[in-house]
N, C-alpha and C. Protein backbone atom coordinates (compact mmCIF):
# COMPACT_ATOMS: atom_id res chain seq x y z
N MET A 1 35.95 -155.89 -147.35
CA MET A 1 34.66 -156.25 -146.79
C MET A 1 33.70 -156.60 -147.92
N GLN A 2 33.10 -157.74 -147.82
CA GLN A 2 32.23 -158.24 -148.87
C GLN A 2 30.80 -157.73 -148.66
N SER A 3 30.20 -157.18 -149.74
CA SER A 3 28.82 -156.71 -149.68
C SER A 3 27.88 -157.89 -149.83
N ALA A 4 26.67 -157.72 -149.32
CA ALA A 4 25.68 -158.78 -149.44
C ALA A 4 25.26 -158.92 -150.89
N ALA A 5 25.15 -160.17 -151.34
CA ALA A 5 24.76 -160.44 -152.72
C ALA A 5 23.28 -160.12 -152.91
N PRO A 6 22.94 -159.47 -154.03
CA PRO A 6 21.53 -159.18 -154.29
C PRO A 6 20.76 -160.48 -154.60
N SER A 7 19.46 -160.40 -154.52
CA SER A 7 18.62 -161.56 -154.81
C SER A 7 18.74 -161.95 -156.28
N MET A 8 18.81 -163.24 -156.53
CA MET A 8 18.90 -163.71 -157.91
C MET A 8 17.53 -164.05 -158.49
N LEU A 9 16.45 -163.86 -157.74
CA LEU A 9 15.13 -164.25 -158.21
C LEU A 9 14.72 -163.50 -159.48
N LYS A 10 14.82 -162.19 -159.47
CA LYS A 10 14.35 -161.40 -160.62
C LYS A 10 15.13 -161.73 -161.90
N PRO A 11 16.47 -161.71 -161.89
CA PRO A 11 17.19 -162.01 -163.14
C PRO A 11 16.97 -163.43 -163.64
N THR A 12 16.89 -164.39 -162.73
CA THR A 12 16.70 -165.77 -163.16
C THR A 12 15.29 -165.99 -163.69
N LEU A 13 14.32 -165.36 -163.06
CA LEU A 13 12.94 -165.49 -163.52
C LEU A 13 12.76 -164.86 -164.89
N ILE A 14 13.32 -163.66 -165.08
CA ILE A 14 13.21 -162.98 -166.38
C ILE A 14 13.85 -163.83 -167.48
N ALA A 15 15.08 -164.28 -167.25
CA ALA A 15 15.80 -165.06 -168.26
C ALA A 15 15.09 -166.39 -168.56
N GLY A 16 14.65 -167.08 -167.52
CA GLY A 16 13.99 -168.37 -167.70
C GLY A 16 12.66 -168.27 -168.42
N VAL A 17 11.86 -167.28 -168.05
CA VAL A 17 10.54 -167.14 -168.67
C VAL A 17 10.67 -166.69 -170.13
N ILE A 18 11.52 -165.69 -170.39
CA ILE A 18 11.67 -165.21 -171.76
C ILE A 18 12.14 -166.32 -172.69
N THR A 19 13.20 -167.01 -172.32
CA THR A 19 13.72 -168.06 -173.20
C THR A 19 12.78 -169.27 -173.25
N GLY A 20 12.09 -169.57 -172.16
CA GLY A 20 11.13 -170.66 -172.16
C GLY A 20 9.96 -170.40 -173.10
N VAL A 21 9.49 -169.17 -173.13
CA VAL A 21 8.39 -168.81 -174.04
C VAL A 21 8.86 -168.86 -175.49
N ILE A 22 10.05 -168.34 -175.75
CA ILE A 22 10.58 -168.34 -177.13
C ILE A 22 10.69 -169.78 -177.66
N VAL A 23 11.22 -170.68 -176.84
CA VAL A 23 11.38 -172.06 -177.27
C VAL A 23 10.02 -172.75 -177.45
N SER A 24 9.00 -172.28 -176.76
CA SER A 24 7.68 -172.90 -176.85
C SER A 24 6.93 -172.53 -178.12
N ILE A 25 7.33 -171.45 -178.78
CA ILE A 25 6.68 -171.07 -180.03
C ILE A 25 7.08 -172.11 -181.08
N PRO A 26 6.10 -172.77 -181.71
CA PRO A 26 6.40 -173.94 -182.55
C PRO A 26 7.51 -173.74 -183.59
N VAL A 27 7.45 -172.73 -184.41
CA VAL A 27 8.46 -172.57 -185.46
C VAL A 27 9.82 -172.25 -184.83
N LEU A 28 9.84 -171.32 -183.89
CA LEU A 28 11.10 -170.95 -183.24
C LEU A 28 11.66 -172.10 -182.41
N GLY A 29 10.78 -172.85 -181.76
CA GLY A 29 11.23 -173.96 -180.93
C GLY A 29 11.96 -175.01 -181.74
N GLY A 30 11.44 -175.32 -182.92
CA GLY A 30 12.10 -176.29 -183.79
C GLY A 30 13.46 -175.81 -184.25
N LEU A 31 13.53 -174.55 -184.62
CA LEU A 31 14.81 -173.98 -185.07
C LEU A 31 15.83 -173.92 -183.94
N THR A 32 15.37 -173.53 -182.75
CA THR A 32 16.30 -173.37 -181.64
C THR A 32 16.81 -174.70 -181.12
N MET A 33 16.00 -175.73 -181.15
CA MET A 33 16.47 -177.01 -180.67
C MET A 33 17.46 -177.65 -181.64
N MET A 34 17.39 -177.26 -182.93
CA MET A 34 18.39 -177.73 -183.88
C MET A 34 19.73 -177.07 -183.61
N ALA A 35 19.72 -176.00 -182.84
CA ALA A 35 20.96 -175.28 -182.51
C ALA A 35 21.64 -175.89 -181.27
N CYS A 36 21.41 -177.15 -181.02
CA CYS A 36 22.10 -177.89 -179.95
C CYS A 36 21.99 -177.23 -178.58
N CYS A 37 20.83 -176.99 -178.13
CA CYS A 37 20.57 -176.45 -176.79
C CYS A 37 21.09 -175.03 -176.60
N ALA A 38 21.35 -174.31 -177.67
CA ALA A 38 21.83 -172.92 -177.56
C ALA A 38 20.85 -172.04 -176.76
N PRO A 39 19.53 -172.20 -176.92
CA PRO A 39 18.64 -171.35 -176.12
C PRO A 39 18.77 -171.59 -174.62
N VAL A 40 19.04 -172.82 -174.24
CA VAL A 40 19.17 -173.13 -172.82
C VAL A 40 20.48 -172.54 -172.28
N ILE A 41 21.55 -172.66 -173.06
CA ILE A 41 22.82 -172.04 -172.67
C ILE A 41 22.63 -170.53 -172.61
N GLY A 42 21.92 -169.99 -173.60
CA GLY A 42 21.64 -168.55 -173.63
C GLY A 42 20.82 -168.09 -172.44
N CYS A 43 19.95 -168.95 -171.95
CA CYS A 43 19.14 -168.63 -170.77
C CYS A 43 20.05 -168.39 -169.57
N GLY A 44 20.98 -169.31 -169.34
CA GLY A 44 21.92 -169.15 -168.22
C GLY A 44 22.82 -167.94 -168.41
N PHE A 45 23.25 -167.70 -169.64
CA PHE A 45 24.12 -166.56 -169.95
C PHE A 45 23.37 -165.25 -169.72
N LEU A 46 22.11 -165.18 -170.17
CA LEU A 46 21.29 -163.98 -169.96
C LEU A 46 21.07 -163.73 -168.47
N ALA A 47 20.79 -164.77 -167.73
CA ALA A 47 20.58 -164.62 -166.29
C ALA A 47 21.85 -164.10 -165.62
N ALA A 48 23.00 -164.59 -166.05
CA ALA A 48 24.28 -164.12 -165.48
C ALA A 48 24.48 -162.65 -165.80
N TYR A 49 24.16 -162.26 -167.02
CA TYR A 49 24.29 -160.85 -167.41
C TYR A 49 23.39 -159.96 -166.54
N LEU A 50 22.13 -160.36 -166.41
CA LEU A 50 21.19 -159.55 -165.62
C LEU A 50 21.60 -159.48 -164.16
N TYR A 51 22.09 -160.61 -163.64
CA TYR A 51 22.50 -160.64 -162.24
C TYR A 51 23.76 -159.79 -162.01
N SER A 52 24.68 -159.82 -162.96
CA SER A 52 25.90 -159.01 -162.82
C SER A 52 25.57 -157.52 -162.78
N LYS A 53 24.51 -157.14 -163.51
CA LYS A 53 24.08 -155.73 -163.49
C LYS A 53 23.56 -155.33 -162.11
N GLU A 54 23.07 -156.29 -161.34
CA GLU A 54 22.61 -155.99 -159.98
C GLU A 54 23.76 -156.04 -158.97
N CYS A 55 24.75 -156.86 -159.26
CA CYS A 55 25.90 -156.98 -158.34
C CYS A 55 26.80 -155.75 -158.39
N ARG A 56 26.97 -155.19 -159.57
CA ARG A 56 27.89 -154.07 -159.74
C ARG A 56 27.55 -152.89 -158.83
N PRO A 57 26.32 -152.35 -158.86
CA PRO A 57 26.03 -151.22 -157.96
C PRO A 57 26.02 -151.59 -156.49
N ALA A 58 25.74 -152.87 -156.19
CA ALA A 58 25.72 -153.30 -154.80
C ALA A 58 27.13 -153.55 -154.27
N GLY A 59 28.12 -153.59 -155.17
CA GLY A 59 29.49 -153.85 -154.75
C GLY A 59 29.71 -155.30 -154.36
N ALA A 60 28.82 -156.18 -154.79
CA ALA A 60 28.92 -157.60 -154.46
C ALA A 60 29.72 -158.32 -155.54
N PRO A 61 30.58 -159.26 -155.16
CA PRO A 61 31.35 -159.99 -156.17
C PRO A 61 30.46 -160.96 -156.95
N PHE A 62 30.83 -161.19 -158.19
CA PHE A 62 30.11 -162.13 -159.04
C PHE A 62 31.14 -162.79 -159.95
N ARG A 63 31.23 -164.11 -159.84
CA ARG A 63 32.19 -164.87 -160.62
C ARG A 63 31.51 -166.09 -161.24
N ALA A 64 32.30 -166.92 -161.88
CA ALA A 64 31.76 -168.07 -162.61
C ALA A 64 30.98 -169.03 -161.71
N GLY A 65 31.43 -169.25 -160.48
CA GLY A 65 30.72 -170.17 -159.58
C GLY A 65 29.31 -169.69 -159.27
N ARG A 66 29.20 -168.43 -158.94
CA ARG A 66 27.87 -167.85 -158.68
C ARG A 66 27.07 -167.81 -159.97
N GLY A 67 27.76 -167.58 -161.10
CA GLY A 67 27.10 -167.58 -162.40
C GLY A 67 26.48 -168.94 -162.71
N ALA A 68 27.18 -170.01 -162.34
CA ALA A 68 26.64 -171.35 -162.55
C ALA A 68 25.35 -171.56 -161.75
N LEU A 69 25.34 -171.06 -160.53
CA LEU A 69 24.14 -171.18 -159.70
C LEU A 69 22.99 -170.37 -160.30
N VAL A 70 23.29 -169.16 -160.73
CA VAL A 70 22.28 -168.30 -161.36
C VAL A 70 21.75 -168.97 -162.62
N GLY A 71 22.65 -169.56 -163.41
CA GLY A 71 22.24 -170.27 -164.62
C GLY A 71 21.35 -171.46 -164.31
N TRP A 72 21.70 -172.21 -163.28
CA TRP A 72 20.92 -173.38 -162.91
C TRP A 72 19.49 -172.98 -162.51
N VAL A 73 19.38 -171.94 -161.70
CA VAL A 73 18.05 -171.49 -161.26
C VAL A 73 17.23 -171.00 -162.46
N SER A 74 17.88 -170.26 -163.35
CA SER A 74 17.15 -169.78 -164.54
C SER A 74 16.72 -170.97 -165.40
N GLY A 75 17.52 -172.03 -165.43
CA GLY A 75 17.14 -173.23 -166.16
C GLY A 75 15.90 -173.90 -165.59
N LEU A 76 15.73 -173.84 -164.27
CA LEU A 76 14.51 -174.38 -163.67
C LEU A 76 13.29 -173.59 -164.13
N PHE A 77 13.41 -172.27 -164.13
CA PHE A 77 12.30 -171.43 -164.62
C PHE A 77 12.05 -171.68 -166.10
N PHE A 78 13.12 -171.89 -166.87
CA PHE A 78 13.00 -172.20 -168.29
C PHE A 78 12.20 -173.49 -168.47
N ALA A 79 12.57 -174.54 -167.74
CA ALA A 79 11.92 -175.83 -167.88
C ALA A 79 10.43 -175.76 -167.56
N ILE A 80 10.10 -175.08 -166.48
CA ILE A 80 8.69 -174.96 -166.08
C ILE A 80 7.92 -174.18 -167.13
N THR A 81 8.48 -173.05 -167.57
CA THR A 81 7.80 -172.21 -168.55
C THR A 81 7.62 -172.95 -169.87
N ALA A 82 8.70 -173.56 -170.38
CA ALA A 82 8.62 -174.26 -171.66
C ALA A 82 7.64 -175.43 -171.59
N SER A 83 7.58 -176.11 -170.47
CA SER A 83 6.65 -177.24 -170.34
C SER A 83 5.20 -176.77 -170.31
N VAL A 84 4.93 -175.75 -169.52
CA VAL A 84 3.54 -175.27 -169.40
C VAL A 84 3.08 -174.59 -170.69
N VAL A 85 3.87 -173.65 -171.19
CA VAL A 85 3.47 -172.92 -172.40
C VAL A 85 3.48 -173.85 -173.61
N GLY A 86 4.52 -174.67 -173.74
CA GLY A 86 4.58 -175.62 -174.85
C GLY A 86 3.43 -176.62 -174.81
N GLY A 87 3.11 -177.10 -173.61
CA GLY A 87 1.99 -178.03 -173.48
C GLY A 87 0.66 -177.39 -173.86
N ALA A 88 0.46 -176.15 -173.43
CA ALA A 88 -0.78 -175.45 -173.76
C ALA A 88 -0.88 -175.21 -175.27
N ILE A 89 0.21 -174.78 -175.87
CA ILE A 89 0.21 -174.54 -177.32
C ILE A 89 -0.01 -175.86 -178.06
N GLY A 90 0.62 -176.92 -177.58
CA GLY A 90 0.44 -178.23 -178.19
C GLY A 90 -1.00 -178.71 -178.13
N LEU A 91 -1.65 -178.50 -177.00
CA LEU A 91 -3.06 -178.90 -176.87
C LEU A 91 -3.95 -178.09 -177.80
N LEU A 92 -3.66 -176.80 -177.93
CA LEU A 92 -4.46 -175.95 -178.81
C LEU A 92 -4.27 -176.29 -180.28
N MET A 93 -3.04 -176.60 -180.66
CA MET A 93 -2.74 -176.87 -182.07
C MET A 93 -3.12 -178.27 -182.49
N ASN A 94 -3.07 -179.21 -181.57
CA ASN A 94 -3.34 -180.60 -181.91
C ASN A 94 -4.64 -181.07 -181.29
N SER A 95 -5.70 -180.34 -181.56
CA SER A 95 -6.98 -180.71 -180.96
C SER A 95 -7.55 -181.98 -181.59
N GLY A 96 -7.03 -182.40 -182.75
CA GLY A 96 -7.49 -183.61 -183.39
C GLY A 96 -6.80 -184.83 -182.81
N ASP A 97 -6.16 -185.59 -183.68
CA ASP A 97 -5.46 -186.80 -183.28
C ASP A 97 -3.98 -186.65 -183.64
N PRO A 98 -3.18 -186.06 -182.76
CA PRO A 98 -1.78 -185.81 -183.12
C PRO A 98 -0.99 -187.10 -183.38
N PHE A 99 -1.31 -188.17 -182.65
CA PHE A 99 -0.58 -189.42 -182.84
C PHE A 99 -0.98 -190.07 -184.16
N GLY A 100 -2.24 -189.98 -184.52
CA GLY A 100 -2.70 -190.50 -185.82
C GLY A 100 -2.07 -189.73 -186.97
N ASP A 101 -1.95 -188.41 -186.81
CA ASP A 101 -1.30 -187.59 -187.83
C ASP A 101 0.17 -187.98 -187.99
N ALA A 102 0.83 -188.22 -186.87
CA ALA A 102 2.24 -188.62 -186.90
C ALA A 102 2.38 -189.98 -187.59
N MET A 103 1.48 -190.90 -187.32
CA MET A 103 1.52 -192.22 -187.93
C MET A 103 1.34 -192.11 -189.44
N GLU A 104 0.41 -191.27 -189.86
CA GLU A 104 0.16 -191.09 -191.29
C GLU A 104 1.40 -190.52 -192.00
N LYS A 105 2.06 -189.57 -191.35
CA LYS A 105 3.28 -189.00 -191.95
C LYS A 105 4.37 -190.06 -192.07
N MET A 106 4.48 -190.92 -191.06
CA MET A 106 5.51 -191.97 -191.11
C MET A 106 5.19 -193.00 -192.19
N GLU A 107 3.90 -193.34 -192.34
CA GLU A 107 3.52 -194.32 -193.36
C GLU A 107 3.84 -193.80 -194.75
N ASN A 108 3.72 -192.50 -194.96
CA ASN A 108 3.98 -191.90 -196.27
C ASN A 108 5.44 -191.53 -196.48
N SER A 109 6.26 -191.76 -195.48
CA SER A 109 7.68 -191.45 -195.58
C SER A 109 8.36 -192.47 -196.49
N PRO A 110 9.11 -192.00 -197.51
CA PRO A 110 9.70 -192.96 -198.47
C PRO A 110 10.77 -193.87 -197.86
N GLY A 111 11.46 -193.45 -196.83
CA GLY A 111 12.54 -194.25 -196.27
C GLY A 111 12.13 -195.15 -195.11
N MET A 112 10.85 -195.24 -194.79
CA MET A 112 10.40 -196.00 -193.63
C MET A 112 10.42 -197.50 -193.94
N THR A 113 11.17 -198.25 -193.13
CA THR A 113 11.23 -199.71 -193.29
C THR A 113 10.08 -200.35 -192.51
N PRO A 114 9.74 -201.59 -192.82
CA PRO A 114 8.68 -202.27 -192.05
C PRO A 114 9.02 -202.40 -190.57
N GLU A 115 10.32 -202.62 -190.27
CA GLU A 115 10.72 -202.73 -188.87
C GLU A 115 10.58 -201.38 -188.16
N GLY A 116 10.95 -200.31 -188.86
CA GLY A 116 10.82 -198.97 -188.30
C GLY A 116 9.35 -198.61 -188.07
N MET A 117 8.50 -199.02 -189.00
CA MET A 117 7.07 -198.74 -188.88
C MET A 117 6.48 -199.50 -187.69
N GLU A 118 6.92 -200.73 -187.49
CA GLU A 118 6.44 -201.53 -186.36
C GLU A 118 6.86 -200.90 -185.03
N ALA A 119 8.10 -200.45 -184.95
CA ALA A 119 8.58 -199.79 -183.73
C ALA A 119 7.80 -198.50 -183.48
N ALA A 120 7.55 -197.73 -184.54
CA ALA A 120 6.79 -196.48 -184.41
C ALA A 120 5.37 -196.76 -183.93
N GLU A 121 4.77 -197.80 -184.44
CA GLU A 121 3.41 -198.15 -184.02
C GLU A 121 3.36 -198.50 -182.54
N LYS A 122 4.38 -199.21 -182.04
CA LYS A 122 4.43 -199.56 -180.62
C LYS A 122 4.58 -198.30 -179.76
N ILE A 123 5.45 -197.41 -180.17
CA ILE A 123 5.67 -196.18 -179.40
C ILE A 123 4.41 -195.32 -179.41
N ILE A 124 3.80 -195.16 -180.56
CA ILE A 124 2.59 -194.33 -180.64
C ILE A 124 1.45 -194.98 -179.89
N GLY A 125 1.36 -196.30 -179.93
CA GLY A 125 0.34 -197.00 -179.15
C GLY A 125 0.51 -196.75 -177.66
N PHE A 126 1.76 -196.79 -177.20
CA PHE A 126 2.05 -196.50 -175.80
C PHE A 126 1.65 -195.07 -175.45
N LEU A 127 2.02 -194.13 -176.32
CA LEU A 127 1.70 -192.71 -176.06
C LEU A 127 0.19 -192.47 -176.05
N GLN A 128 -0.54 -193.14 -176.93
CA GLN A 128 -1.99 -192.97 -176.97
C GLN A 128 -2.65 -193.50 -175.71
N ASP A 129 -2.07 -194.53 -175.11
CA ASP A 129 -2.64 -195.13 -173.91
C ASP A 129 -2.21 -194.43 -172.63
N THR A 130 -1.27 -193.51 -172.72
CA THR A 130 -0.73 -192.83 -171.55
C THR A 130 -1.50 -191.53 -171.32
N PRO A 131 -1.96 -191.28 -170.09
CA PRO A 131 -2.67 -190.02 -169.82
C PRO A 131 -1.77 -188.80 -170.10
N MET A 132 -2.38 -187.73 -170.59
CA MET A 132 -1.63 -186.52 -170.96
C MET A 132 -0.85 -185.95 -169.79
N ILE A 133 -1.37 -186.04 -168.59
CA ILE A 133 -0.66 -185.47 -167.43
C ILE A 133 0.66 -186.21 -167.20
N VAL A 134 0.67 -187.50 -167.46
CA VAL A 134 1.90 -188.29 -167.31
C VAL A 134 2.91 -187.85 -168.37
N LEU A 135 2.44 -187.66 -169.60
CA LEU A 135 3.33 -187.19 -170.67
C LEU A 135 3.88 -185.80 -170.34
N PHE A 136 3.03 -184.94 -169.76
CA PHE A 136 3.48 -183.61 -169.37
C PHE A 136 4.62 -183.70 -168.35
N PHE A 137 4.47 -184.54 -167.35
CA PHE A 137 5.50 -184.66 -166.32
C PHE A 137 6.77 -185.31 -166.85
N PHE A 138 6.65 -186.24 -167.81
CA PHE A 138 7.86 -186.78 -168.44
C PHE A 138 8.57 -185.69 -169.24
N GLY A 139 7.80 -184.86 -169.93
CA GLY A 139 8.39 -183.73 -170.66
C GLY A 139 9.06 -182.75 -169.72
N LEU A 140 8.42 -182.45 -168.61
CA LEU A 140 9.00 -181.55 -167.62
C LEU A 140 10.28 -182.14 -167.04
N LEU A 141 10.28 -183.41 -166.72
CA LEU A 141 11.47 -184.07 -166.20
C LEU A 141 12.61 -184.01 -167.21
N PHE A 142 12.30 -184.26 -168.48
CA PHE A 142 13.30 -184.17 -169.54
C PHE A 142 13.88 -182.76 -169.60
N TYR A 143 13.01 -181.76 -169.60
CA TYR A 143 13.48 -180.36 -169.63
C TYR A 143 14.34 -180.04 -168.40
N LEU A 144 13.94 -180.52 -167.24
CA LEU A 144 14.70 -180.23 -166.02
C LEU A 144 16.12 -180.81 -166.10
N ILE A 145 16.24 -181.99 -166.65
CA ILE A 145 17.56 -182.61 -166.77
C ILE A 145 18.42 -181.83 -167.76
N ILE A 146 17.87 -181.55 -168.93
CA ILE A 146 18.62 -180.84 -169.97
C ILE A 146 18.99 -179.44 -169.51
N THR A 147 18.03 -178.71 -168.94
CA THR A 147 18.32 -177.33 -168.54
C THR A 147 19.25 -177.27 -167.35
N SER A 148 19.20 -178.26 -166.48
CA SER A 148 20.12 -178.27 -165.34
C SER A 148 21.57 -178.30 -165.81
N ILE A 149 21.80 -179.00 -166.88
CA ILE A 149 23.16 -179.11 -167.41
C ILE A 149 23.55 -177.85 -168.20
N PHE A 150 22.75 -177.54 -169.22
CA PHE A 150 23.16 -176.51 -170.18
C PHE A 150 22.98 -175.08 -169.67
N ALA A 151 21.97 -174.80 -168.88
CA ALA A 151 21.82 -173.45 -168.33
C ALA A 151 22.91 -173.18 -167.29
N THR A 152 23.33 -174.21 -166.58
CA THR A 152 24.43 -174.06 -165.63
C THR A 152 25.72 -173.71 -166.37
N ILE A 153 25.95 -174.36 -167.49
CA ILE A 153 27.12 -174.05 -168.32
C ILE A 153 27.04 -172.60 -168.81
N GLY A 154 25.87 -172.20 -169.32
CA GLY A 154 25.70 -170.83 -169.78
C GLY A 154 25.90 -169.81 -168.68
N GLY A 155 25.41 -170.13 -167.48
CA GLY A 155 25.59 -169.23 -166.35
C GLY A 155 27.05 -169.13 -165.92
N ALA A 156 27.77 -170.24 -165.96
CA ALA A 156 29.20 -170.22 -165.60
C ALA A 156 29.99 -169.39 -166.61
N ILE A 157 29.67 -169.55 -167.89
CA ILE A 157 30.32 -168.74 -168.91
C ILE A 157 29.99 -167.27 -168.70
N GLY A 158 28.72 -166.99 -168.44
CA GLY A 158 28.30 -165.61 -168.18
C GLY A 158 28.97 -165.04 -166.95
N GLY A 159 29.14 -165.85 -165.92
CA GLY A 159 29.82 -165.39 -164.71
C GLY A 159 31.26 -165.03 -164.98
N ALA A 160 31.90 -165.78 -165.87
CA ALA A 160 33.29 -165.48 -166.22
C ALA A 160 33.37 -164.22 -167.09
N VAL A 161 32.41 -164.07 -168.00
CA VAL A 161 32.42 -162.91 -168.90
C VAL A 161 32.04 -161.62 -168.17
N PHE A 162 31.00 -161.69 -167.35
CA PHE A 162 30.48 -160.49 -166.68
C PHE A 162 30.95 -160.38 -165.23
N LYS A 163 32.12 -160.91 -164.95
CA LYS A 163 32.68 -160.97 -163.60
C LYS A 163 32.68 -159.58 -162.94
N VAL A 164 32.30 -159.56 -161.68
CA VAL A 164 32.32 -158.34 -160.88
C VAL A 164 33.19 -158.63 -159.67
N GLU A 165 34.24 -157.87 -159.51
CA GLU A 165 35.11 -158.03 -158.34
C GLU A 165 34.59 -157.14 -157.23
N GLU A 166 34.77 -157.60 -155.99
CA GLU A 166 34.30 -156.79 -154.87
C GLU A 166 35.18 -155.56 -154.73
N GLU A 167 34.56 -154.50 -154.28
CA GLU A 167 35.27 -153.23 -154.10
C GLU A 167 36.17 -153.36 -152.86
N VAL A 168 37.44 -153.05 -153.05
CA VAL A 168 38.39 -153.11 -151.95
C VAL A 168 38.64 -151.66 -151.50
N PRO A 169 38.34 -151.36 -150.25
CA PRO A 169 38.56 -149.98 -149.79
C PRO A 169 40.06 -149.65 -149.74
N PRO A 170 40.41 -148.41 -150.00
CA PRO A 170 41.83 -148.06 -149.96
C PRO A 170 42.39 -148.20 -148.54
N ILE A 171 43.66 -148.49 -148.47
CA ILE A 171 44.32 -148.66 -147.17
C ILE A 171 44.53 -147.29 -146.55
N GLN A 172 44.09 -147.17 -145.31
CA GLN A 172 44.21 -145.91 -144.58
C GLN A 172 45.54 -145.90 -143.82
N PRO A 173 46.34 -144.83 -143.93
CA PRO A 173 47.61 -144.78 -143.19
C PRO A 173 47.43 -144.58 -141.71
């Protein structure tokens, strides 16, 4: 007899918010993104771990398939958290002209070709003309796509690692 599965809201919310905030911290965010989406995979893995801890006492089964779902949901919370917190931190840190600062850094870059500089000017011009809310939603959409893939993978791995089999009652003679 299969027990009812516990709610996945709490474990997915905890995993998504914690990892989303960590990635939003400027220094840590740069380091973690160089790790090839490891924080996003870790988000799904953490959510699977937390969810398995709730399944065990409830006697509910938990396997890789359910882990993938738990990972995907935690990835949604990750994307929302990283977008909101990262956007707020970005606005606070770049109260001047962030696009002008980026242009200046590119102009002073020793390896920048004239063609590369022209392309950068076009991109920065587009970004300067685009309202911040539109940029925020493009960033959120990007995060949603990336986290949908990698947090699901992390959750599936976590589901396989932290697998919980349903309790089978002994056969009565």
